[in-house]
């Protein structure tokens, strides 16, 4: 779907004296605020032109629609036109951006994930001078070669959502180790499937493949408490060998995925479908980011029994309880922009008091801005109450070397996770093959 939102041309409805007065007021304010970005001082004066802002986030699109983002931006930049391009989902988004990179047609402003920043780093402008970058808690932690190429819109945490009344009925406690998690899932499945043969203890949506990311993407980092796990893997020939973090993590995932706790046909349903079923209590557990709460709430009228805990990857209760945190939706300006100063001004405005506080309070995600803090939703806060001494792991999605090897051998951890649900899957064989391909790729690519 493509959503186009064009400027109304407010300056045409304003008399010249009003325009001059507005510009003067902004200039006076900017003069008093020492250090304000140069783009702000030009607001409504020198900056004009059109921007394309490409997104995939449904919640952001809804907020943009409901709150007239273009109109609000034009209050400071009346000669700016903005086209908001909504792409179906993140998979289609990356495919589109890849093709547009080759065609020199990237949007003016785009989003990235941690693992795509390095992929597009040659096409992103340094935003280190923006106040938005300086006020962001996570942006500098993802800088590349000293340059901030994207400003994360949210700080992302991952949760396991569960129905407390269903746990109580089945006699299940909130698990705090991996073994307890597997046992809890099996107990729930055995209990509720007696009444509902279609019941699934854990909702996943493996048809889409990507929903297994809490297990396949994050668990290797949680296993060893190493947010740089993917980058460290690029430095060795046998990263999947027995005893490595990824081997240990995937052994756990395979054990869970081999159980009958994901319903009759785990590969037959996508994320939207299973999230809806979870909201209707046709499943007891679902692992999603904080953004998932909004989707769950939209599918039910009663969340009084909805709770959260963090995925317990640890082996025993004496081990650290590790939790992933990452920047998400890194807003950046591309080198293909014909109006880079206007694009930077838009990013600055997006993270200012004129827009960001309202948006971050609209969504369930945590704020990434030091100057606009936010309390967690009470449902999400339950996970912190259960684990007040948790150990945060700052997740990095993998840099250039990892992604070069990943592309060379077509290593897709989400696809590998989905294949665990197929007949005849053998984890050891798969990991041995990956080791062989990995070593050959490092040699071919000259990675040391």
Protein backbone atom coordinates (compact mmCIF):
# COMPACT_ATOMS: atom_id res chain seq x y z
CA UNK A 1 0.00 0.00 0.00
CA UNK A 2 1.23 3.49 -0.82
CA UNK A 3 -0.01 6.38 1.24
CA UNK A 4 0.57 9.86 -0.14
CA UNK A 5 0.19 12.92 2.03
CA UNK A 6 1.00 16.20 0.30
CA UNK A 7 1.39 19.67 1.67
CA UNK A 8 -1.60 21.94 1.62
CA UNK A 9 0.47 25.02 0.84
CA UNK A 10 -0.18 27.03 3.95
CA UNK A 11 1.97 29.92 2.85
CA UNK A 12 -0.55 30.69 0.10
CA UNK A 13 -3.18 31.25 2.77
CA UNK A 14 -0.97 33.58 4.79
CA UNK A 15 -0.45 37.27 4.09
CA UNK A 16 3.13 38.35 3.53
CA UNK A 17 3.24 40.28 6.78
CA UNK A 18 2.24 37.18 8.75
CA UNK A 19 4.93 35.14 7.08
CA UNK A 20 7.54 37.76 7.86
CA UNK A 21 6.37 38.02 11.46
CA UNK A 22 6.43 34.27 11.93
CA UNK A 23 9.91 34.05 10.46
CA UNK A 24 11.16 36.84 12.68
CA UNK A 25 9.79 35.17 15.80
CA UNK A 26 11.53 31.93 14.96
CA UNK A 27 14.80 33.69 14.28
CA UNK A 28 14.59 35.53 17.61
CA UNK A 29 13.92 32.27 19.47
CA UNK A 30 16.76 30.55 17.69
CA UNK A 31 19.14 33.38 18.56
CA UNK A 32 18.30 33.03 22.24
CA UNK A 33 18.76 29.25 22.15
CA UNK A 34 22.51 29.00 21.64
CA UNK A 35 23.57 25.85 19.85
CA UNK A 36 20.25 25.23 18.09
CA UNK A 37 20.73 23.36 14.83
CA UNK A 38 21.20 25.57 11.77
CA UNK A 39 18.21 23.95 10.10
CA UNK A 40 15.93 25.32 12.83
CA UNK A 41 17.10 28.91 12.30
CA UNK A 42 16.10 28.65 8.65
CA UNK A 43 12.60 27.39 9.47
CA UNK A 44 10.01 29.01 7.26
CA UNK A 45 12.66 31.15 5.62
CA UNK A 46 15.19 29.39 3.40
CA UNK A 47 14.11 25.74 3.51
CA UNK A 48 11.65 24.61 0.90
CA UNK A 49 11.08 21.65 -1.34
CA UNK A 50 9.66 18.13 -1.25
CA UNK A 51 10.55 15.11 0.88
CA UNK A 52 9.69 11.43 0.66
CA UNK A 53 9.48 9.76 4.08
CA UNK A 54 9.30 5.96 3.79
CA UNK A 55 7.97 3.82 6.66
CA UNK A 56 6.60 0.33 7.30
CA UNK A 57 5.24 0.81 10.84
CA UNK A 58 1.42 0.56 11.01
CA UNK A 59 1.23 2.27 14.40
CA UNK A 60 3.29 5.21 13.18
CA UNK A 61 1.13 5.49 10.07
CA UNK A 62 -2.02 5.57 12.21
CA UNK A 63 -0.54 8.31 14.40
CA UNK A 64 0.54 10.34 11.36
CA UNK A 65 -2.98 10.07 9.93
CA UNK A 66 -4.70 10.97 13.18
CA UNK A 67 -2.44 13.89 14.08
CA UNK A 68 -1.81 15.64 10.75
CA UNK A 69 1.97 15.33 10.82
CA UNK A 70 2.40 17.18 7.54
CA UNK A 71 0.28 20.11 8.70
CA UNK A 72 2.15 20.37 11.99
CA UNK A 73 5.51 20.30 10.23
CA UNK A 74 4.33 23.02 7.88
CA UNK A 75 3.67 25.31 10.81
CA UNK A 76 7.46 25.76 10.89
CA UNK A 77 8.22 24.94 7.26
CA UNK A 78 5.30 26.26 5.19
CA UNK A 79 7.07 25.71 1.87
CA UNK A 80 7.72 22.02 2.51
CA UNK A 81 5.90 19.17 0.80
CA UNK A 82 6.03 15.73 2.42
CA UNK A 83 5.04 12.43 0.90
CA UNK A 84 4.65 9.65 3.47
CA UNK A 85 5.20 6.35 1.73
CA UNK A 86 3.79 3.39 3.66
CA UNK A 87 5.26 0.04 2.66
CA UNK A 88 3.48 -3.17 3.66
CA UNK A 89 6.00 -4.62 6.13
CA UNK A 90 9.70 -4.58 6.93
CA UNK A 91 10.55 -7.47 4.59
CA UNK A 92 9.03 -5.65 1.61
CA UNK A 93 10.64 -2.45 2.87
CA UNK A 94 14.18 -3.87 2.68
CA UNK A 95 13.56 -5.37 -0.75
CA UNK A 96 12.33 -2.00 -1.98
CA UNK A 97 15.23 -0.08 -0.44
CA UNK A 98 17.75 -2.49 -1.97
CA UNK A 99 16.34 -1.95 -5.47
CA UNK A 100 16.10 1.79 -4.99
CA UNK A 101 19.69 1.98 -3.82
CA UNK A 102 20.82 0.63 -7.17
CA UNK A 103 18.50 3.01 -9.00
CA UNK A 104 19.69 6.04 -6.99
CA UNK A 105 16.12 6.53 -5.79
CA UNK A 106 16.20 6.11 -2.03
CA UNK A 107 13.66 8.25 -0.13
CA UNK A 108 14.87 11.44 1.51
CA UNK A 109 14.22 10.03 4.96
CA UNK A 110 14.26 6.32 5.74
CA UNK A 111 14.28 4.01 8.72
CA UNK A 112 16.85 1.36 9.53
CA UNK A 113 17.23 -1.47 11.99
CA UNK A 114 20.51 -2.08 13.84
CA UNK A 115 21.40 -4.83 11.37
CA UNK A 116 20.72 -2.68 8.28
CA UNK A 117 22.69 0.42 9.28
CA UNK A 118 25.93 -1.02 7.94
CA UNK A 119 24.14 -2.15 4.78
CA UNK A 120 23.13 1.42 3.93
CA UNK A 121 25.97 3.30 5.64
CA UNK A 122 27.37 4.62 2.36
CA UNK A 123 23.96 6.14 1.57
CA UNK A 124 23.30 7.88 4.89
CA UNK A 125 24.31 11.37 6.01
CA UNK A 126 26.03 11.99 9.35
CA UNK A 127 23.50 13.39 11.83
CA UNK A 128 25.90 13.87 14.73
CA UNK A 129 25.36 17.65 14.75
CA UNK A 130 21.61 17.39 15.34
CA UNK A 131 20.22 18.08 18.80
CA UNK A 132 18.05 15.01 18.31
CA UNK A 133 21.17 12.87 18.08
CA UNK A 134 22.75 14.47 21.13
CA UNK A 135 19.60 13.97 23.20
CA UNK A 136 19.15 10.34 22.15
CA UNK A 137 20.23 7.72 24.70
CA UNK A 138 21.25 5.09 22.16
CA UNK A 139 22.30 6.84 18.94
CA UNK A 140 25.99 7.21 19.77
CA UNK A 141 26.19 3.54 20.73
CA UNK A 142 25.36 2.61 17.13
CA UNK A 143 27.67 5.16 15.48
CA UNK A 144 29.82 3.92 12.60
CA UNK A 145 33.27 5.37 12.07
CA UNK A 146 32.30 8.10 14.51
CA UNK A 147 29.20 9.07 12.51
CA UNK A 148 25.61 8.83 13.70
CA UNK A 149 23.78 7.60 10.61
CA UNK A 150 20.42 7.05 12.22
CA UNK A 151 18.55 8.18 15.34
CA UNK A 152 16.57 5.38 17.00
CA UNK A 153 12.94 6.30 17.48
CA UNK A 154 12.41 3.91 20.38
CA UNK A 155 14.31 1.78 22.84
CA UNK A 156 13.12 -1.74 22.20
CA UNK A 157 12.65 -4.41 24.84
CA UNK A 158 11.46 -7.95 24.21
CA UNK A 159 8.76 -9.60 26.28
CA UNK A 160 6.92 -12.84 26.73
CA UNK A 161 3.22 -11.99 27.00
CA UNK A 162 1.03 -14.46 28.88
CA UNK A 163 -2.45 -14.86 30.31
CA UNK A 164 -2.20 -15.03 34.09
CA UNK A 165 -5.59 -16.71 34.52
CA UNK A 166 -4.61 -19.48 32.09
CA UNK A 167 -1.34 -20.05 33.96
CA UNK A 168 -3.29 -20.26 37.21
CA UNK A 169 -5.82 -22.71 35.81
CA UNK A 170 -3.06 -25.00 34.52
CA UNK A 171 -1.08 -24.70 37.77
CA UNK A 172 1.88 -23.00 36.06
CA UNK A 173 4.23 -20.47 37.64
CA UNK A 174 6.08 -17.80 35.67
CA UNK A 175 9.31 -19.52 34.57
CA UNK A 176 12.73 -18.06 35.34
CA UNK A 177 14.99 -20.64 33.63
CA UNK A 178 14.89 -22.20 30.18
CA UNK A 179 13.96 -25.62 31.54
CA UNK A 180 11.09 -24.09 33.48
CA UNK A 181 9.94 -22.29 30.32
CA UNK A 182 9.80 -25.52 28.31
CA UNK A 183 8.03 -27.33 31.14
CA UNK A 184 5.50 -24.53 31.54
CA UNK A 185 4.69 -24.59 27.83
CA UNK A 186 4.19 -28.34 27.83
CA UNK A 187 1.99 -28.22 30.93
CA UNK A 188 -0.19 -25.54 29.36
CA UNK A 189 -0.46 -27.50 26.13
CA UNK A 190 -1.41 -30.72 27.88
CA UNK A 191 -4.02 -28.98 30.03
CA UNK A 192 -5.86 -26.82 27.49
CA UNK A 193 -5.62 -29.13 24.47
CA UNK A 194 -7.96 -31.52 26.28
CA UNK A 195 -10.76 -29.01 25.74
CA UNK A 196 -9.47 -27.40 22.55
CA UNK A 197 -7.54 -29.60 20.09
CA UNK A 198 -6.45 -26.46 18.19
CA UNK A 199 -4.94 -24.85 21.28
CA UNK A 200 -1.29 -23.74 21.15
CA UNK A 201 0.60 -23.03 24.34
CA UNK A 202 2.91 -20.70 22.40
CA UNK A 203 1.70 -18.57 19.50
CA UNK A 204 4.44 -18.00 16.93
CA UNK A 205 3.33 -17.48 13.32
CA UNK A 206 6.20 -19.39 11.71
CA UNK A 207 4.61 -19.10 8.28
CA UNK A 208 6.04 -15.58 8.16
CA UNK A 209 9.43 -16.84 9.46
CA UNK A 210 10.39 -13.49 11.04
CA UNK A 211 8.29 -14.00 14.22
CA UNK A 212 10.81 -16.55 15.52
CA UNK A 213 13.34 -13.70 15.97
CA UNK A 214 13.04 -13.57 19.81
CA UNK A 215 14.51 -17.07 19.80
CA UNK A 216 16.72 -17.25 16.71
CA UNK A 217 18.06 -13.70 16.61
CA UNK A 218 18.33 -12.69 20.25
CA UNK A 219 18.99 -15.88 22.18
CA UNK A 220 22.66 -16.27 21.09
CA UNK A 221 23.37 -12.80 22.51
CA UNK A 222 21.43 -13.60 25.68
CA UNK A 223 23.17 -16.93 26.09
CA UNK A 224 26.57 -15.33 26.65
CA UNK A 225 25.53 -11.78 27.50
CA UNK A 226 27.26 -10.56 24.35
CA UNK A 227 25.39 -7.99 22.25
CA UNK A 228 28.25 -8.12 19.73
CA UNK A 229 27.77 -11.85 19.17
CA UNK A 230 27.26 -11.60 15.40
CA UNK A 231 30.35 -9.44 14.96
CA UNK A 232 32.47 -11.82 17.03
CA UNK A 233 31.25 -14.75 14.94
CA UNK A 234 32.74 -13.11 11.87
CA UNK A 235 36.20 -13.47 13.44
CA UNK A 236 36.17 -17.27 13.64
CA UNK A 237 35.89 -20.16 11.18
CA UNK A 238 33.61 -22.33 13.33
CA UNK A 239 31.11 -20.07 15.13
CA UNK A 240 28.45 -22.80 15.25
CA UNK A 241 30.68 -25.41 16.90
CA UNK A 242 29.62 -27.19 20.06
CA UNK A 243 30.17 -25.00 23.11
CA UNK A 244 29.63 -21.67 21.32
CA UNK A 245 26.84 -19.34 22.39
CA UNK A 246 24.90 -19.81 19.18
CA UNK A 247 25.17 -23.60 19.36
CA UNK A 248 23.93 -23.60 22.94
CA UNK A 249 21.11 -21.19 22.12
CA UNK A 250 19.93 -23.03 19.02
CA UNK A 251 20.05 -26.35 20.86
CA UNK A 252 17.60 -24.85 23.34
CA UNK A 253 15.39 -23.42 20.60
CA UNK A 254 15.34 -26.72 18.72
CA UNK A 255 14.34 -28.54 21.90
CA UNK A 256 11.41 -26.14 22.37
CA UNK A 257 10.39 -26.14 18.70
CA UNK A 258 10.41 -29.95 18.70
CA UNK A 259 7.66 -30.02 21.30
CA UNK A 260 3.98 -30.03 20.38
CA UNK A 261 3.38 -26.66 22.03
CA UNK A 262 2.90 -24.54 18.90
CA UNK A 263 -0.39 -25.99 17.71
CA UNK A 264 -1.18 -28.48 14.98
CA UNK A 265 0.42 -26.49 12.15
CA UNK A 266 3.06 -23.97 13.27
CA UNK A 267 4.00 -23.23 9.66
CA UNK A 268 0.42 -22.71 8.58
CA UNK A 269 -0.27 -19.38 10.29
CA UNK A 270 1.37 -15.96 10.20
CA UNK A 271 1.98 -13.46 12.96
CA UNK A 272 -1.22 -11.44 12.54
CA UNK A 273 -3.34 -14.57 12.79
CA UNK A 274 -1.66 -16.03 15.87
CA UNK A 275 -1.57 -12.66 17.63
CA UNK A 276 -5.32 -12.43 17.13
CA UNK A 277 -5.75 -15.97 18.46
CA UNK A 278 -3.59 -15.16 21.48
CA UNK A 279 -5.73 -12.10 22.18
CA UNK A 280 -8.75 -14.43 22.17
CA UNK A 281 -6.97 -16.79 24.61
CA UNK A 282 -6.57 -19.53 22.03
CA UNK A 283 -2.92 -19.48 23.08
CA UNK A 284 -1.31 -18.77 26.46
CA UNK A 285 2.07 -17.32 25.47
CA UNK A 286 3.49 -15.15 22.71
CA UNK A 287 6.97 -13.57 22.49
CA UNK A 288 7.04 -10.12 20.89
CA UNK A 289 8.64 -6.73 21.33
CA UNK A 290 6.99 -3.98 23.36
CA UNK A 291 5.29 -2.91 20.14
CA UNK A 292 3.29 -6.15 20.29
CA UNK A 293 1.21 -4.92 23.21
CA UNK A 294 -0.67 -2.54 20.97
CA UNK A 295 -1.53 -5.33 18.56
CA UNK A 296 -2.72 -7.57 21.39
CA UNK A 297 -4.87 -4.83 22.89
CA UNK A 298 -6.52 -4.22 19.54
CA UNK A 299 -7.73 -7.83 19.51
CA UNK A 300 -9.40 -7.95 22.92
CA UNK A 301 -11.55 -5.83 25.20
CA UNK A 302 -10.04 -7.20 28.40
CA UNK A 303 -6.32 -7.16 29.24
CA UNK A 304 -6.80 -7.36 33.00
CA UNK A 305 -5.20 -10.82 33.03
CA UNK A 306 -2.42 -10.02 30.57
CA UNK A 307 1.08 -10.17 32.02
CA UNK A 308 4.68 -10.12 30.86
CA UNK A 309 8.02 -11.64 31.76
CA UNK A 310 11.39 -11.67 30.04
CA UNK A 311 12.43 -14.74 28.06
CA UNK A 312 14.40 -16.88 30.55
CA UNK A 313 17.40 -18.13 28.58
CA UNK A 314 19.55 -18.90 31.62
CA UNK A 315 20.22 -22.47 32.74
CA UNK A 316 19.85 -21.97 36.48
CA UNK A 317 18.53 -19.32 38.83
CA UNK A 318 22.03 -18.46 40.03
CA UNK A 319 22.95 -17.27 36.52
CA UNK A 320 22.38 -13.65 35.43
CA UNK A 321 18.91 -12.95 34.06
CA UNK A 322 19.80 -11.28 30.79
CA UNK A 323 17.48 -9.02 28.83
CA UNK A 324 17.90 -7.59 25.32
CA UNK A 325 17.59 -3.86 24.70
CA UNK A 326 18.12 -2.24 21.33
CA UNK A 327 17.49 0.91 19.43
CA UNK A 328 14.72 0.53 16.88
CA UNK A 329 13.58 2.43 13.81
CA UNK A 330 16.72 4.51 13.17
CA UNK A 331 15.60 7.59 11.26
CA UNK A 332 18.22 8.75 8.78
CA UNK A 333 18.69 11.07 5.81
CA UNK A 334 19.93 9.51 2.58
CA UNK A 335 22.58 10.80 0.20
CA UNK A 336 19.99 10.55 -2.57
CA UNK A 337 17.98 13.40 -1.06
CA UNK A 338 17.76 16.51 -3.22
CA UNK A 339 16.87 18.51 -0.11
CA UNK A 340 19.22 17.19 2.61
CA UNK A 341 18.97 20.29 4.83
CA UNK A 342 15.19 20.14 4.78
CA UNK A 343 15.36 16.40 5.48
CA UNK A 344 17.64 17.02 8.47
CA UNK A 345 15.27 19.71 9.67
CA UNK A 346 12.42 17.20 9.46
CA UNK A 347 14.36 14.69 11.57
CA UNK A 348 15.16 17.41 14.10
CA UNK A 349 11.51 18.40 14.23
CA UNK A 350 10.33 14.78 14.53
CA UNK A 351 12.30 14.37 17.76
CA UNK A 352 11.32 17.76 19.16
CA UNK A 353 8.59 18.69 21.63
CA UNK A 354 6.35 19.49 18.66
CA UNK A 355 5.95 15.83 17.71
CA UNK A 356 7.92 13.17 19.61
CA UNK A 357 6.27 13.29 23.09
CA UNK A 358 2.83 12.72 21.62
CA UNK A 359 4.02 9.86 19.44
CA UNK A 360 6.02 8.05 22.12
CA UNK A 361 3.05 8.22 24.49
CA UNK A 362 0.82 6.84 21.73
CA UNK A 363 2.85 3.68 21.25
CA UNK A 364 3.80 1.08 23.86
CA UNK A 365 7.53 1.24 23.11
CA UNK A 366 9.98 2.89 25.48
CA UNK A 367 11.41 6.35 24.77
CA UNK A 368 14.92 6.63 23.36
CA UNK A 369 15.18 10.35 24.19
CA UNK A 370 16.79 11.64 27.37
CA UNK A 371 14.73 14.83 27.23
CA UNK A 372 11.40 13.01 26.78
CA UNK A 373 11.27 10.14 29.26
CA UNK A 374 8.32 7.82 29.62
CA UNK A 375 7.06 5.38 32.19
CA UNK A 376 6.46 1.86 30.94
CA UNK A 377 2.96 0.58 30.39
CA UNK A 378 1.88 -1.22 33.60
CA UNK A 379 1.60 -4.51 31.72
CA UNK A 380 5.19 -4.23 30.47
CA UNK A 381 6.42 -3.05 33.86
CA UNK A 382 5.40 -6.40 35.34
CA UNK A 383 8.44 -8.01 33.71
CA UNK A 384 10.73 -5.57 35.53
CA UNK A 385 8.97 -6.26 38.81
CA UNK A 386 9.66 -9.97 38.38
CA UNK A 387 13.34 -9.37 37.54
CA UNK A 388 14.51 -6.15 39.23
CA UNK A 389 18.16 -7.28 39.03
CA UNK A 390 18.14 -8.10 35.32
CA UNK A 391 21.30 -7.64 33.24
CA UNK A 392 20.78 -5.56 30.09
CA UNK A 393 22.45 -6.69 26.87
CA UNK A 394 22.81 -3.90 24.27
CA UNK A 395 22.09 -5.71 21.01
CA UNK A 396 23.94 -5.04 17.77
CA UNK A 397 22.54 -6.66 14.67
CA UNK A 398 25.92 -7.36 13.08
CA UNK A 399 28.31 -5.19 11.08
CA UNK A 400 29.84 -5.33 7.62
CA UNK A 401 31.95 -8.46 8.04
CA UNK A 402 29.12 -10.50 9.54
CA UNK A 403 26.67 -9.36 6.89
CA UNK A 404 29.16 -10.08 4.10
CA UNK A 405 29.52 -13.65 5.30
CA UNK A 406 25.80 -13.93 5.96
CA UNK A 407 25.02 -12.85 2.39
CA UNK A 408 27.74 -15.06 0.90
CA UNK A 409 26.36 -18.26 2.46
CA UNK A 410 22.69 -17.14 2.57
CA UNK A 411 22.56 -17.63 6.34
CA UNK A 412 19.07 -16.66 7.49
CA UNK A 413 18.51 -17.42 11.17
CA UNK A 414 14.77 -16.80 10.92
CA UNK A 415 14.44 -19.26 8.05
CA UNK A 416 16.57 -21.76 9.97
CA UNK A 417 14.20 -21.44 12.92
CA UNK A 418 11.16 -22.07 10.74
CA UNK A 419 12.86 -25.15 9.27
CA UNK A 420 13.04 -26.65 12.76
CA UNK A 421 9.33 -27.34 12.40
CA UNK A 422 9.84 -29.50 9.30
CA UNK A 423 10.10 -33.30 9.32
CA UNK A 424 13.61 -34.67 9.30
CA UNK A 425 15.30 -31.52 10.52
CA UNK A 426 18.67 -32.28 12.12
CA UNK A 427 20.30 -29.41 13.99
CA UNK A 428 23.80 -30.89 14.16
CA UNK A 429 23.89 -31.46 10.40
CA UNK A 430 22.70 -27.92 9.75
CA UNK A 431 25.26 -26.35 12.08
CA UNK A 432 28.11 -28.47 10.71
CA UNK A 433 27.22 -27.34 7.19
CA UNK A 434 27.07 -23.74 8.30
CA UNK A 435 30.54 -24.03 9.84
CA UNK A 436 31.97 -25.35 6.58
CA UNK A 437 30.33 -22.63 4.53
CA UNK A 438 31.32 -19.98 7.04
CA UNK A 439 35.02 -20.87 6.94
CA UNK A 440 35.02 -20.95 3.13
CA UNK A 441 33.28 -17.57 2.97
CA UNK A 442 35.78 -15.95 5.32
CA UNK A 443 38.61 -17.19 3.12
CA UNK A 444 36.93 -16.05 -0.08
CA UNK A 445 36.10 -12.62 1.31
CA UNK A 446 39.50 -12.18 2.94
CA UNK A 447 38.00 -11.65 6.40
CA UNK A 448 40.40 -12.22 9.28
